[in-house]
Amino acid sequence: MKRTNQRLCILDTNVLMHDPTALFRFHEHDVFLPMVVLEELDAAKKGMSEVAQNARQASRFLEQLIQGASQSAISRGLALESIRPATNGHGETARGLLFIQTDSLNQPLPLELPGTHPDHAILSVSLALGSRFPGHAVTLITKDVNLRIKAAVLGIRAEDYASDRALEDVSLLDRGIRALPDDFWQTHGAHLESWSRDGRTFYAVEGPLVQAWYPNLCLY
């Protein structure tokens, strides 16, 4: 992890259970998975629920990424752009690296956070990474509001995962602008009416393309 001024996003398990493609949605930034996240994914993959299906899909992505990679290559980081799903929702390729925890990262937590709760393991890893890589903007990404509160108390930058497929896949949304085909006037001219009023020209058109139009659509 030699690059500086680079964001390092630590993903909580609930992010991948919510959206397994989250691995590829951080543009040029790097992604880090603590070992406890892999354990929780493994525990959640049984069954037919959406969470179980997402856990299995996330595991398949990880298997594709590490396929053929040596331990040293995994330690150096795996290129997220190396497999096909590596798009961030805007049609751009994920350009960061994936790091998987390969050694012990234990930063002591306050006595107020005792025990071996998985959340505490993620907090400990986040603190350790922040100390080890001060040139990176280490950020914990989690859907768990209470974990974000704990992180704030410990001075760890934490954010909700907001790149929802339903909200951020803007490549799937209509832009409201559509180019007419070259033969439009030939195929639609038979039923075309036009008139001018108040310095404007109006058209009434019938034809196969019209049913796909909607108010305020820009045609050119």
C-alpha atoms as a PDB file:
ATOM      1  CA  MET A   1       0.000   0.000   0.000  1.00  0.00           C
ATOM      2  CA  LYS A   2       2.523   2.561  -1.213  1.00  0.00           C
ATOM      3  CA  ARG A   3       0.294   5.206  -2.784  1.00  0.00           C
ATOM      4  CA  THR A   4      -0.349   8.284  -0.691  1.00  0.00           C
ATOM      5  CA  ASN A   5      -3.193  10.789  -0.726  1.00  0.00           C
ATOM      6  CA  GLN A   6      -5.386   7.791  -1.461  1.00  0.00           C
ATOM      7  CA  ARG A   7      -8.616   6.903   0.245  1.00  0.00           C
ATOM      8  CA  LEU A   8      -8.647   3.494   1.936  1.00  0.00           C
ATOM      9  CA  CYS A   9     -12.232   2.288   2.400  1.00  0.00           C
ATOM     10  CA  ILE A  10     -12.748  -0.407   5.032  1.00  0.00           C
ATOM     11  CA  LEU A  11     -15.968  -2.252   4.208  1.00  0.00           C
ATOM     12  CA  ASP A  12     -18.234  -3.616   6.910  1.00  0.00           C
ATOM     13  CA  THR A  13     -19.999  -6.915   6.208  1.00  0.00           C
ATOM     14  CA  ASN A  14     -23.420  -5.289   6.031  1.00  0.00           C
ATOM     15  CA  VAL A  15     -22.307  -3.235   3.028  1.00  0.00           C
ATOM     16  CA  LEU A  16     -21.563  -6.360   0.968  1.00  0.00           C
ATOM     17  CA  MET A  17     -24.729  -8.049   2.218  1.00  0.00           C
ATOM     18  CA  HIS A  18     -26.624  -5.000   1.020  1.00  0.00           C
ATOM     19  CA  ASP A  19     -24.800  -4.678  -2.324  1.00  0.00           C
ATOM     20  CA  PRO A  20     -22.128  -7.219  -3.311  1.00  0.00           C
ATOM     21  CA  THR A  21     -20.976  -4.915  -6.121  1.00  0.00           C
ATOM     22  CA  ALA A  22     -19.927  -2.370  -3.484  1.00  0.00           C
ATOM     23  CA  LEU A  23     -16.389  -3.696  -3.960  1.00  0.00           C
ATOM     24  CA  PHE A  24     -16.300  -1.903  -7.312  1.00  0.00           C
ATOM     25  CA  ARG A  25     -18.044   1.371  -6.439  1.00  0.00           C
ATOM     26  CA  PHE A  26     -15.217   3.456  -4.999  1.00  0.00           C
ATOM     27  CA  HIS A  27     -13.710   4.783  -8.229  1.00  0.00           C
ATOM     28  CA  GLU A  28      -9.917   5.161  -7.872  1.00  0.00           C
ATOM     29  CA  HIS A  29      -9.917   4.483  -4.124  1.00  0.00           C
ATOM     30  CA  ASP A  30      -8.639   1.338  -2.415  1.00  0.00           C
ATOM     31  CA  VAL A  31     -10.820  -1.155  -0.543  1.00  0.00           C
ATOM     32  CA  PHE A  32      -9.828  -3.122   2.571  1.00  0.00           C
ATOM     33  CA  LEU A  33     -11.605  -6.193   3.969  1.00  0.00           C
ATOM     34  CA  PRO A  34     -10.872  -7.217   7.574  1.00  0.00           C
ATOM     35  CA  MET A  35     -10.728 -10.958   8.219  1.00  0.00           C
ATOM     36  CA  VAL A  36     -13.835 -10.752  10.417  1.00  0.00           C
ATOM     37  CA  VAL A  37     -15.807  -9.590   7.363  1.00  0.00           C
ATOM     38  CA  LEU A  38     -14.850 -12.755   5.468  1.00  0.00           C
ATOM     39  CA  GLU A  39     -15.948 -14.839   8.449  1.00  0.00           C
ATOM     40  CA  GLU A  40     -19.299 -13.068   8.634  1.00  0.00           C
ATOM     41  CA  LEU A  41     -19.854 -13.470   4.893  1.00  0.00           C
ATOM     42  CA  ASP A  42     -19.207 -17.184   5.232  1.00  0.00           C
ATOM     43  CA  ALA A  43     -21.687 -17.454   8.105  1.00  0.00           C
ATOM     44  CA  ALA A  44     -24.374 -15.557   6.174  1.00  0.00           C
ATOM     45  CA  LYS A  45     -24.215 -17.379   2.838  1.00  0.00           C
ATOM     46  CA  LYS A  46     -26.602 -20.236   3.691  1.00  0.00           C
ATOM     47  CA  GLY A  47     -30.246 -19.979   2.676  1.00  0.00           C
ATOM     48  CA  MET A  48     -32.296 -18.335  -0.058  1.00  0.00           C
ATOM     49  CA  SER A  49     -32.773 -14.873   1.445  1.00  0.00           C
ATOM     50  CA  GLU A  50     -31.516 -11.801  -0.395  1.00  0.00           C
ATOM     51  CA  VAL A  51     -28.843 -11.341   2.268  1.00  0.00           C
ATOM     52  CA  ALA A  52     -27.611 -14.917   1.758  1.00  0.00           C
ATOM     53  CA  GLN A  53     -27.585 -14.504  -2.016  1.00  0.00           C
ATOM     54  CA  ASN A  54     -25.649 -11.246  -1.735  1.00  0.00           C
ATOM     55  CA  ALA A  55     -23.149 -12.862   0.636  1.00  0.00           C
ATOM     56  CA  ARG A  56     -22.576 -15.671  -1.861  1.00  0.00           C
ATOM     57  CA  GLN A  57     -22.171 -13.219  -4.732  1.00  0.00           C
ATOM     58  CA  ALA A  58     -19.666 -11.142  -2.767  1.00  0.00           C
ATOM     59  CA  SER A  59     -17.699 -14.323  -2.044  1.00  0.00           C
ATOM     60  CA  ARG A  60     -17.719 -15.224  -5.745  1.00  0.00           C
ATOM     61  CA  PHE A  61     -16.355 -11.795  -6.640  1.00  0.00           C
ATOM     62  CA  LEU A  62     -13.584 -12.233  -4.072  1.00  0.00           C
ATOM     63  CA  GLU A  63     -12.748 -15.691  -5.394  1.00  0.00           C
ATOM     64  CA  GLN A  64     -12.441 -14.288  -8.926  1.00  0.00           C
ATOM     65  CA  LEU A  65     -10.179 -11.495  -7.722  1.00  0.00           C
ATOM     66  CA  ILE A  66      -7.770 -13.754  -5.824  1.00  0.00           C
ATOM     67  CA  GLN A  67      -7.747 -16.573  -8.380  1.00  0.00           C
ATOM     68  CA  GLY A  68      -4.140 -17.439  -9.158  1.00  0.00           C
ATOM     69  CA  ALA A  69      -2.759 -14.701  -6.883  1.00  0.00           C
ATOM     70  CA  SER A  70       0.060 -15.517  -4.483  1.00  0.00           C
ATOM     71  CA  GLN A  71       0.002 -14.469  -0.840  1.00  0.00           C
ATOM     72  CA  SER A  72       2.500 -11.699  -1.584  1.00  0.00           C
ATOM     73  CA  ALA A  73       0.319 -10.455  -4.460  1.00  0.00           C
ATOM     74  CA  ILE A  74      -2.706 -10.372  -2.151  1.00  0.00           C
ATOM     75  CA  SER A  75      -0.657  -8.416   0.383  1.00  0.00           C
ATOM     76  CA  ARG A  76       0.342  -5.879  -2.289  1.00  0.00           C
ATOM     77  CA  GLY A  77      -3.273  -5.428  -3.355  1.00  0.00           C
ATOM     78  CA  LEU A  78      -5.405  -6.870  -6.140  1.00  0.00           C
ATOM     79  CA  ALA A  79      -6.540  -4.723  -9.056  1.00  0.00           C
ATOM     80  CA  LEU A  80     -10.314  -4.338  -8.837  1.00  0.00           C
ATOM     81  CA  GLU A  81     -10.463  -3.686 -12.580  1.00  0.00           C
ATOM     82  CA  SER A  82      -9.300  -7.240 -13.295  1.00  0.00           C
ATOM     83  CA  ILE A  83     -12.805  -8.750 -13.420  1.00  0.00           C
ATOM     84  CA  ARG A  84     -15.835  -7.762 -15.489  1.00  0.00           C
ATOM     85  CA  PRO A  85     -18.232  -6.417 -12.815  1.00  0.00           C
ATOM     86  CA  ALA A  86     -15.718  -3.716 -11.909  1.00  0.00           C
ATOM     87  CA  THR A  87     -17.903  -0.698 -12.707  1.00  0.00           C
ATOM     88  CA  ASN A  88     -18.925   1.924 -10.203  1.00  0.00           C
ATOM     89  CA  GLY A  89     -22.446   2.562 -11.479  1.00  0.00           C
ATOM     90  CA  HIS A  90     -21.425   5.375 -13.826  1.00  0.00           C
ATOM     91  CA  GLY A  91     -19.942   3.110 -16.478  1.00  0.00           C
ATOM     92  CA  GLU A  92     -16.426   3.762 -15.159  1.00  0.00           C
ATOM     93  CA  THR A  93     -13.991   1.029 -14.192  1.00  0.00           C
ATOM     94  CA  ALA A  94     -12.979   0.719 -10.548  1.00  0.00           C
ATOM     95  CA  ARG A  95      -9.316   1.729 -10.573  1.00  0.00           C
ATOM     96  CA  GLY A  96      -8.380   1.015  -6.959  1.00  0.00           C
ATOM     97  CA  LEU A  97      -6.863  -2.010  -5.259  1.00  0.00           C
ATOM     98  CA  LEU A  98      -8.451  -4.589  -2.985  1.00  0.00           C
ATOM     99  CA  PHE A  99      -6.570  -5.403   0.216  1.00  0.00           C
ATOM    100  CA  ILE A 100      -7.538  -8.365   2.383  1.00  0.00           C
ATOM    101  CA  GLN A 101      -6.243  -8.574   5.934  1.00  0.00           C
ATOM    102  CA  THR A 102      -3.301 -10.976   5.929  1.00  0.00           C
ATOM    103  CA  ASP A 103      -1.700 -10.177   9.277  1.00  0.00           C
ATOM    104  CA  SER A 104      -2.679  -9.165  12.779  1.00  0.00           C
ATOM    105  CA  LEU A 105      -4.009  -5.612  13.102  1.00  0.00           C
ATOM    106  CA  ASN A 106      -4.932  -5.080  16.711  1.00  0.00           C
ATOM    107  CA  GLN A 107      -5.183  -1.596  18.134  1.00  0.00           C
ATOM    108  CA  PRO A 108      -6.270  -1.508  21.802  1.00  0.00           C
ATOM    109  CA  LEU A 109      -9.791  -0.177  22.304  1.00  0.00           C
ATOM    110  CA  PRO A 110     -11.041   1.757  25.343  1.00  0.00           C
ATOM    111  CA  LEU A 111     -12.166  -0.323  28.291  1.00  0.00           C
ATOM    112  CA  GLU A 112     -15.710   0.835  27.556  1.00  0.00           C
ATOM    113  CA  LEU A 113     -15.642  -1.437  24.483  1.00  0.00           C
ATOM    114  CA  PRO A 114     -14.710  -4.836  25.918  1.00  0.00           C
ATOM    115  CA  GLY A 115     -15.205  -8.276  24.414  1.00  0.00           C
ATOM    116  CA  THR A 116     -14.802  -9.819  20.983  1.00  0.00           C
ATOM    117  CA  HIS A 117     -17.821  -8.379  19.184  1.00  0.00           C
ATOM    118  CA  PRO A 118     -17.222  -8.273  15.385  1.00  0.00           C
ATOM    119  CA  ASP A 119     -17.870  -4.523  15.404  1.00  0.00           C
ATOM    120  CA  HIS A 120     -15.039  -4.052  17.864  1.00  0.00           C
ATOM    121  CA  ALA A 121     -12.697  -6.088  15.664  1.00  0.00           C
ATOM    122  CA  ILE A 122     -13.484  -3.777  12.737  1.00  0.00           C
ATOM    123  CA  LEU A 123     -12.905  -0.712  14.908  1.00  0.00           C
ATOM    124  CA  SER A 124      -9.566  -2.110  16.068  1.00  0.00           C
ATOM    125  CA  VAL A 125      -8.496  -2.772  12.468  1.00  0.00           C
ATOM    126  CA  SER A 126      -9.595   0.734  11.437  1.00  0.00           C
ATOM    127  CA  LEU A 127      -7.521   2.336  14.181  1.00  0.00           C
ATOM    128  CA  ALA A 128      -4.496   0.204  13.298  1.00  0.00           C
ATOM    129  CA  LEU A 129      -4.727   1.061   9.600  1.00  0.00           C
ATOM    130  CA  GLY A 130      -5.049   4.751  10.385  1.00  0.00           C
ATOM    131  CA  SER A 131      -1.813   4.569  12.382  1.00  0.00           C
ATOM    132  CA  ARG A 132       0.012   2.413   9.839  1.00  0.00           C
ATOM    133  CA  PHE A 133      -0.937   4.435   6.759  1.00  0.00           C
ATOM    134  CA  PRO A 134      -1.194   8.096   7.751  1.00  0.00           C
ATOM    135  CA  GLY A 135      -0.971   9.164   4.099  1.00  0.00           C
ATOM    136  CA  HIS A 136      -4.292   7.492   3.364  1.00  0.00           C
ATOM    137  CA  ALA A 137      -7.725   8.834   4.272  1.00  0.00           C
ATOM    138  CA  VAL A 138      -8.806   5.693   6.119  1.00  0.00           C
ATOM    139  CA  THR A 139     -12.618   5.518   6.124  1.00  0.00           C
ATOM    140  CA  LEU A 140     -14.918   2.898   7.616  1.00  0.00           C
ATOM    141  CA  ILE A 141     -17.925   2.268   5.352  1.00  0.00           C
ATOM    142  CA  THR A 142     -20.884   0.726   7.188  1.00  0.00           C
ATOM    143  CA  LYS A 143     -24.674   0.636   7.119  1.00  0.00           C
ATOM    144  CA  ASP A 144     -24.702   0.311  10.923  1.00  0.00           C
ATOM    145  CA  VAL A 145     -25.468   3.699  12.468  1.00  0.00           C
ATOM    146  CA  ASN A 146     -24.323   2.586  15.933  1.00  0.00           C
ATOM    147  CA  LEU A 147     -20.977   1.465  14.550  1.00  0.00           C
ATOM    148  CA  ARG A 148     -20.571   4.854  12.890  1.00  0.00           C
ATOM    149  CA  ILE A 149     -21.261   6.498  16.254  1.00  0.00           C
ATOM    150  CA  LYS A 150     -18.652   4.309  17.980  1.00  0.00           C
ATOM    151  CA  ALA A 151     -16.177   5.134  15.216  1.00  0.00           C
ATOM    152  CA  ALA A 152     -16.764   8.859  15.674  1.00  0.00           C
ATOM    153  CA  VAL A 153     -16.113   8.523  19.412  1.00  0.00           C
ATOM    154  CA  LEU A 154     -12.778   6.839  18.618  1.00  0.00           C
ATOM    155  CA  GLY A 155     -11.790   9.438  16.027  1.00  0.00           C
ATOM    156  CA  ILE A 156     -12.309   7.122  13.057  1.00  0.00           C
ATOM    157  CA  ARG A 157     -13.782   8.588   9.910  1.00  0.00           C
ATOM    158  CA  ALA A 158     -16.951   6.634   9.100  1.00  0.00           C
ATOM    159  CA  GLU A 159     -19.588   6.935   6.396  1.00  0.00           C
ATOM    160  CA  ASP A 160     -22.820   5.269   5.397  1.00  0.00           C
ATOM    161  CA  TYR A 161     -22.763   3.312   2.161  1.00  0.00           C
ATOM    162  CA  ALA A 162     -24.722   5.598  -0.148  1.00  0.00           C
ATOM    163  CA  SER A 163     -23.967   4.086  -3.565  1.00  0.00           C
ATOM    164  CA  ASP A 164     -27.217   2.154  -3.593  1.00  0.00           C
ATOM    165  CA  ARG A 165     -27.950   0.361  -6.824  1.00  0.00           C
ATOM    166  CA  ALA A 166     -31.440   1.863  -6.742  1.00  0.00           C
ATOM    167  CA  LEU A 167     -30.115   5.379  -6.148  1.00  0.00           C
ATOM    168  CA  GLU A 168     -26.753   5.593  -7.833  1.00  0.00           C
ATOM    169  CA  ASP A 169     -27.019   3.550 -11.019  1.00  0.00           C
ATOM    170  CA  VAL A 170     -27.478   6.721 -13.047  1.00  0.00           C
ATOM    171  CA  SER A 171     -26.274   4.908 -16.140  1.00  0.00           C
ATOM    172  CA  LEU A 172     -29.663   3.155 -16.076  1.00  0.00           C
ATOM    173  CA  LEU A 173     -31.683   6.368 -15.872  1.00  0.00           C
ATOM    174  CA  ASP A 174     -33.055   8.143 -18.917  1.00  0.00           C
ATOM    175  CA  ARG A 175     -31.116  11.377 -19.532  1.00  0.00           C
ATOM    176  CA  GLY A 176     -34.187  13.131 -20.960  1.00  0.00           C
ATOM    177  CA  ILE A 177     -32.408  13.734 -24.285  1.00  0.00           C
ATOM    178  CA  ARG A 178     -32.877  11.537 -27.325  1.00  0.00           C
ATOM    179  CA  ALA A 179     -31.472  11.679 -30.864  1.00  0.00           C
ATOM    180  CA  LEU A 180     -33.912  11.019 -33.694  1.00  0.00           C
ATOM    181  CA  PRO A 181     -32.849   8.337 -36.202  1.00  0.00           C
ATOM    182  CA  ASP A 182     -31.581   9.492 -39.592  1.00  0.00           C
ATOM    183  CA  ASP A 183     -34.700   8.201 -41.354  1.00  0.00           C
ATOM    184  CA  PHE A 184     -37.131   9.747 -38.868  1.00  0.00           C
ATOM    185  CA  TRP A 185     -38.776  12.175 -41.305  1.00  0.00           C
ATOM    186  CA  GLN A 186     -39.116   9.487 -43.968  1.00  0.00           C
ATOM    187  CA  THR A 187     -40.761   6.996 -41.607  1.00  0.00           C
ATOM    188  CA  HIS A 188     -42.954   9.502 -39.751  1.00  0.00           C
ATOM    189  CA  GLY A 189     -43.586  12.185 -42.381  1.00  0.00           C
ATOM    190  CA  ALA A 190     -46.796  10.670 -43.738  1.00  0.00           C
ATOM    191  CA  HIS A 191     -48.754  11.600 -40.616  1.00  0.00           C
ATOM    192  CA  LEU A 192     -46.879  14.780 -39.723  1.00  0.00           C
ATOM    193  CA  GLU A 193     -48.695  18.048 -39.092  1.00  0.00           C
ATOM    194  CA  SER A 194     -46.969  21.355 -38.394  1.00  0.00           C
ATOM    195  CA  TRP A 195     -48.110  24.903 -37.646  1.00  0.00           C
ATOM    196  CA  SER A 196     -46.690  28.149 -36.316  1.00  0.00           C
ATOM    197  CA  ARG A 197     -47.996  30.289 -33.493  1.00  0.00           C
ATOM    198  CA  ASP A 198     -46.459  33.186 -31.565  1.00  0.00           C
ATOM    199  CA  GLY A 199     -43.159  32.720 -33.353  1.00  0.00           C
ATOM    200  CA  ARG A 200     -42.945  29.009 -32.524  1.00  0.00           C
ATOM    201  CA  THR A 201     -43.291  25.944 -34.726  1.00  0.00           C
ATOM    202  CA  PHE A 202     -45.350  23.017 -33.458  1.00  0.00           C
ATOM    203  CA  TYR A 203     -45.437  19.438 -34.732  1.00  0.00           C
ATOM    204  CA  ALA A 204     -48.016  16.684 -34.316  1.00  0.00           C
ATOM    205  CA  VAL A 205     -46.432  13.338 -35.082  1.00  0.00           C
ATOM    206  CA  GLU A 206     -47.718   9.780 -35.255  1.00  0.00           C
ATOM    207  CA  GLY A 207     -45.592   6.688 -35.655  1.00  0.00           C
ATOM    208  CA  PRO A 208     -43.809   3.777 -33.956  1.00  0.00           C
ATOM    209  CA  LEU A 209     -41.389   5.908 -31.917  1.00  0.00           C
ATOM    210  CA  VAL A 210     -43.992   8.230 -30.423  1.00  0.00           C
ATOM    211  CA  GLN A 211     -45.217   5.783 -27.774  1.00  0.00           C
ATOM    212  CA  ALA A 212     -41.769   5.846 -26.148  1.00  0.00           C
ATOM    213  CA  TRP A 213     -41.800   9.641 -25.759  1.00  0.00           C
ATOM    214  CA  TYR A 214     -42.900  11.506 -22.641  1.00  0.00           C
ATOM    215  CA  PRO A 215     -43.511  15.176 -21.663  1.00  0.00           C
ATOM    216  CA  ASN A 216     -40.424  17.429 -21.579  1.00  0.00           C
ATOM    217  CA  LEU A 217     -38.297  14.909 -23.488  1.00  0.00           C
ATOM    218  CA  CYS A 218     -35.735  16.765 -25.635  1.00  0.00           C
ATOM    219  CA  LEU A 219     -35.570  15.436 -29.213  1.00  0.00           C
ATOM    220  CA  TYR A 220     -32.970  16.429 -31.778  1.00  0.00           C
END
